[in-house]
Amino acid sequence: MIFFYISLLTYVCYCAIKYRESIHHLEKVKYDSKKYLKYIKENSKSIFINPELIITILIIIAFYFNIKVIGISTLIVYTLLFLYKLKTDNKKLKMTKQTKTRIISIIIIYLILNIWFCFDYNSYHSASIIFDNTPLYYIILYIITYLSYIVTYAINIIVKPIDK
């Protein structure tokens, strides 16, 4: 499990930039869910057809290879994606109360996922059954990051009542 989290170091950095970008666009439409959904639909090509599509290769690797190959591939791919995003993304995010609640909500989602990963990992390894769901953990994280605009949209809908 430690190897799993070490392999996600660059993934976390990439997620920070990716979610900053999606929250920035949400901020531009003044946290209006309808306008944000319209923005996602209008810009779906640039949002979903980008260098991040390389994660499809990672998903295939997750299905067919062992944990070390998946971890090293994840580290390499997300390092490259992070460096690319760092060079091309110049968006500044204003830290308002609304922005902070959305960031905290996204962090809570990731914390809940990681708690589930840890409990699931421990339940399989403490029993006499030797089965590892770690490739599934990678796949879930890949997909959630790829769909960051949709996750941000859902978070905005959930958090909207808290803002008032």
Protein backbone atom coordinates (compact mmCIF):
# COMPACT_ATOMS: atom_id res chain seq x y z
CA MET A 1 0.00 0.00 0.00
CA ILE A 2 2.95 2.32 0.62
CA PHE A 3 4.12 1.77 -2.97
CA PHE A 4 0.61 2.75 -4.12
CA TYR A 5 0.81 6.11 -2.37
CA ILE A 6 4.40 6.79 -3.44
CA SER A 7 3.39 6.21 -7.05
CA LEU A 8 0.65 8.82 -6.66
CA LEU A 9 2.92 11.73 -5.68
CA THR A 10 2.90 13.35 -9.12
CA TYR A 11 -0.76 12.37 -9.52
CA VAL A 12 -1.62 14.59 -6.53
CA CYS A 13 0.32 17.50 -8.01
CA TYR A 14 -1.43 17.06 -11.34
CA CYS A 15 -4.83 16.88 -9.61
CA ALA A 16 -4.15 20.18 -7.86
CA ILE A 17 -3.53 21.93 -11.17
CA LYS A 18 -6.42 20.20 -12.93
CA TYR A 19 -8.96 21.04 -10.24
CA ARG A 20 -7.60 24.59 -9.98
CA GLU A 21 -8.35 24.95 -13.68
CA SER A 22 -11.88 23.55 -13.36
CA ILE A 23 -12.67 25.72 -10.32
CA HIS A 24 -11.26 28.74 -12.17
CA HIS A 25 -13.76 28.18 -14.97
CA LEU A 26 -16.52 27.72 -12.41
CA GLU A 27 -15.46 31.01 -10.83
CA LYS A 28 -15.64 32.75 -14.23
CA VAL A 29 -19.33 31.83 -14.52
CA LYS A 30 -19.90 33.03 -10.93
CA TYR A 31 -20.59 29.52 -9.56
CA ASP A 32 -23.74 29.17 -11.68
CA SER A 33 -24.21 25.44 -12.33
CA LYS A 34 -26.26 25.94 -15.51
CA LYS A 35 -23.69 28.25 -17.08
CA TYR A 36 -20.88 25.91 -16.02
CA LEU A 37 -22.62 22.93 -17.61
CA LYS A 38 -23.10 25.00 -20.75
CA TYR A 39 -19.39 25.85 -20.66
CA ILE A 40 -18.50 22.15 -20.35
CA LYS A 41 -20.72 21.27 -23.31
CA GLU A 42 -19.37 24.08 -25.48
CA ASN A 43 -15.74 23.25 -24.69
CA SER A 44 -16.04 19.47 -24.46
CA LYS A 45 -13.40 18.92 -27.14
CA SER A 46 -10.73 20.89 -25.32
CA ILE A 47 -11.79 19.51 -21.93
CA PHE A 48 -11.99 15.82 -22.81
CA ILE A 49 -9.76 15.44 -25.88
CA ASN A 50 -6.37 16.45 -24.56
CA PRO A 51 -3.03 14.86 -23.60
CA GLU A 52 -4.72 13.32 -20.56
CA LEU A 53 -6.25 10.69 -22.86
CA ILE A 54 -3.00 8.83 -22.31
CA ILE A 55 -4.64 7.46 -19.16
CA THR A 56 -6.45 4.96 -21.39
CA ILE A 57 -3.05 3.30 -21.75
CA LEU A 58 -2.70 3.37 -17.96
CA ILE A 59 -6.10 1.71 -17.59
CA ILE A 60 -5.03 -1.05 -19.99
CA ILE A 61 -1.79 -1.44 -18.02
CA ALA A 62 -3.82 -1.65 -14.80
CA PHE A 63 -5.81 -4.57 -16.23
CA TYR A 64 -2.89 -6.60 -17.53
CA PHE A 65 0.23 -5.89 -15.47
CA ASN A 66 1.38 -6.17 -11.87
CA ILE A 67 1.30 -3.41 -9.26
CA LYS A 68 4.90 -2.27 -9.75
CA VAL A 69 4.44 -1.74 -13.48
CA ILE A 70 1.21 0.16 -12.83
CA GLY A 71 2.86 2.32 -10.17
CA ILE A 72 5.89 3.20 -12.27
CA SER A 73 3.71 3.90 -15.32
CA THR A 74 1.48 6.14 -13.21
CA LEU A 75 4.46 8.02 -11.86
CA ILE A 76 5.92 8.59 -15.34
CA VAL A 77 2.65 9.54 -17.05
CA TYR A 78 1.48 11.92 -14.34
CA THR A 79 4.94 13.51 -14.15
CA LEU A 80 4.73 14.28 -17.86
CA LEU A 81 1.12 15.49 -17.58
CA PHE A 82 2.00 17.64 -14.57
CA LEU A 83 4.94 19.27 -16.34
CA TYR A 84 2.81 19.90 -19.44
CA LYS A 85 -0.04 21.38 -17.40
CA LEU A 86 2.37 23.46 -15.32
CA LYS A 87 3.84 24.96 -18.48
CA THR A 88 0.52 25.63 -20.26
CA ASP A 89 -1.80 26.57 -17.37
CA ASN A 90 -1.54 30.19 -16.25
CA LYS A 91 -4.85 30.47 -14.44
CA LYS A 92 -4.86 32.23 -11.09
CA LEU A 93 -7.51 31.27 -8.60
CA LYS A 94 -9.02 33.83 -6.25
CA MET A 95 -9.45 32.40 -2.78
CA THR A 96 -13.01 33.31 -1.87
CA LYS A 97 -15.30 31.56 0.58
CA GLN A 98 -17.01 29.78 -2.31
CA THR A 99 -13.71 28.60 -3.76
CA LYS A 100 -12.55 27.31 -0.39
CA THR A 101 -15.74 25.29 0.18
CA ARG A 102 -15.37 23.63 -3.22
CA ILE A 103 -11.70 22.82 -2.63
CA ILE A 104 -12.48 21.39 0.80
CA SER A 105 -15.30 19.30 -0.69
CA ILE A 106 -12.99 17.86 -3.36
CA ILE A 107 -10.40 17.06 -0.70
CA ILE A 108 -13.10 15.34 1.37
CA ILE A 109 -14.06 13.17 -1.62
CA TYR A 110 -10.44 12.11 -2.06
CA LEU A 111 -10.06 11.44 1.67
CA ILE A 112 -13.18 9.25 1.69
CA LEU A 113 -11.87 7.35 -1.32
CA ASN A 114 -8.50 6.80 0.34
CA ILE A 115 -10.11 5.65 3.58
CA TRP A 116 -12.14 3.16 1.55
CA PHE A 117 -8.97 2.04 -0.26
CA CYS A 118 -7.19 1.45 3.06
CA PHE A 119 -10.09 -0.46 4.63
CA ASP A 120 -10.54 -2.56 1.51
CA TYR A 121 -6.82 -3.28 1.28
CA ASN A 122 -6.64 -4.26 4.96
CA SER A 123 -9.73 -6.46 4.77
CA TYR A 124 -8.30 -8.50 1.91
CA HIS A 125 -4.80 -8.78 3.34
CA SER A 126 -5.83 -9.60 6.89
CA ALA A 127 -8.01 -12.49 5.72
CA SER A 128 -6.72 -15.72 4.30
CA ILE A 129 -7.82 -14.56 0.85
CA ILE A 130 -4.94 -13.16 -1.16
CA PHE A 131 -6.54 -10.74 -3.55
CA ASP A 132 -5.43 -7.24 -4.40
CA ASN A 133 -7.78 -4.49 -5.59
CA THR A 134 -4.98 -1.96 -6.09
CA PRO A 135 -5.44 -1.84 -9.90
CA LEU A 136 -9.07 -0.91 -9.26
CA TYR A 137 -7.92 1.93 -6.98
CA TYR A 138 -5.71 3.28 -9.75
CA ILE A 139 -8.51 3.07 -12.32
CA ILE A 140 -10.94 4.91 -10.03
CA LEU A 141 -8.43 7.70 -9.43
CA TYR A 142 -7.58 7.98 -13.14
CA ILE A 143 -11.24 8.34 -14.09
CA ILE A 144 -12.08 10.82 -11.34
CA THR A 145 -9.22 13.07 -12.40
CA TYR A 146 -10.12 12.80 -16.07
CA LEU A 147 -13.69 13.80 -15.23
CA SER A 148 -12.60 16.66 -12.96
CA TYR A 149 -14.92 19.17 -14.65
CA ILE A 150 -17.91 16.91 -14.02
CA VAL A 151 -16.78 16.28 -10.43
CA THR A 152 -16.47 20.04 -9.93
CA TYR A 153 -19.96 20.50 -11.40
CA ALA A 154 -21.40 17.92 -8.98
CA ILE A 155 -19.53 19.49 -6.04
CA ASN A 156 -20.89 22.89 -7.00
CA ILE A 157 -24.46 21.57 -6.91
CA ILE A 158 -23.90 19.88 -3.55
CA VAL A 159 -22.11 22.84 -1.93
CA LYS A 160 -24.39 25.57 -3.30
CA PRO A 161 -26.78 25.46 -0.28
CA ILE A 162 -23.81 25.79 2.10
CA ASP A 163 -22.81 29.09 0.45
CA LYS A 164 -26.07 30.73 1.50
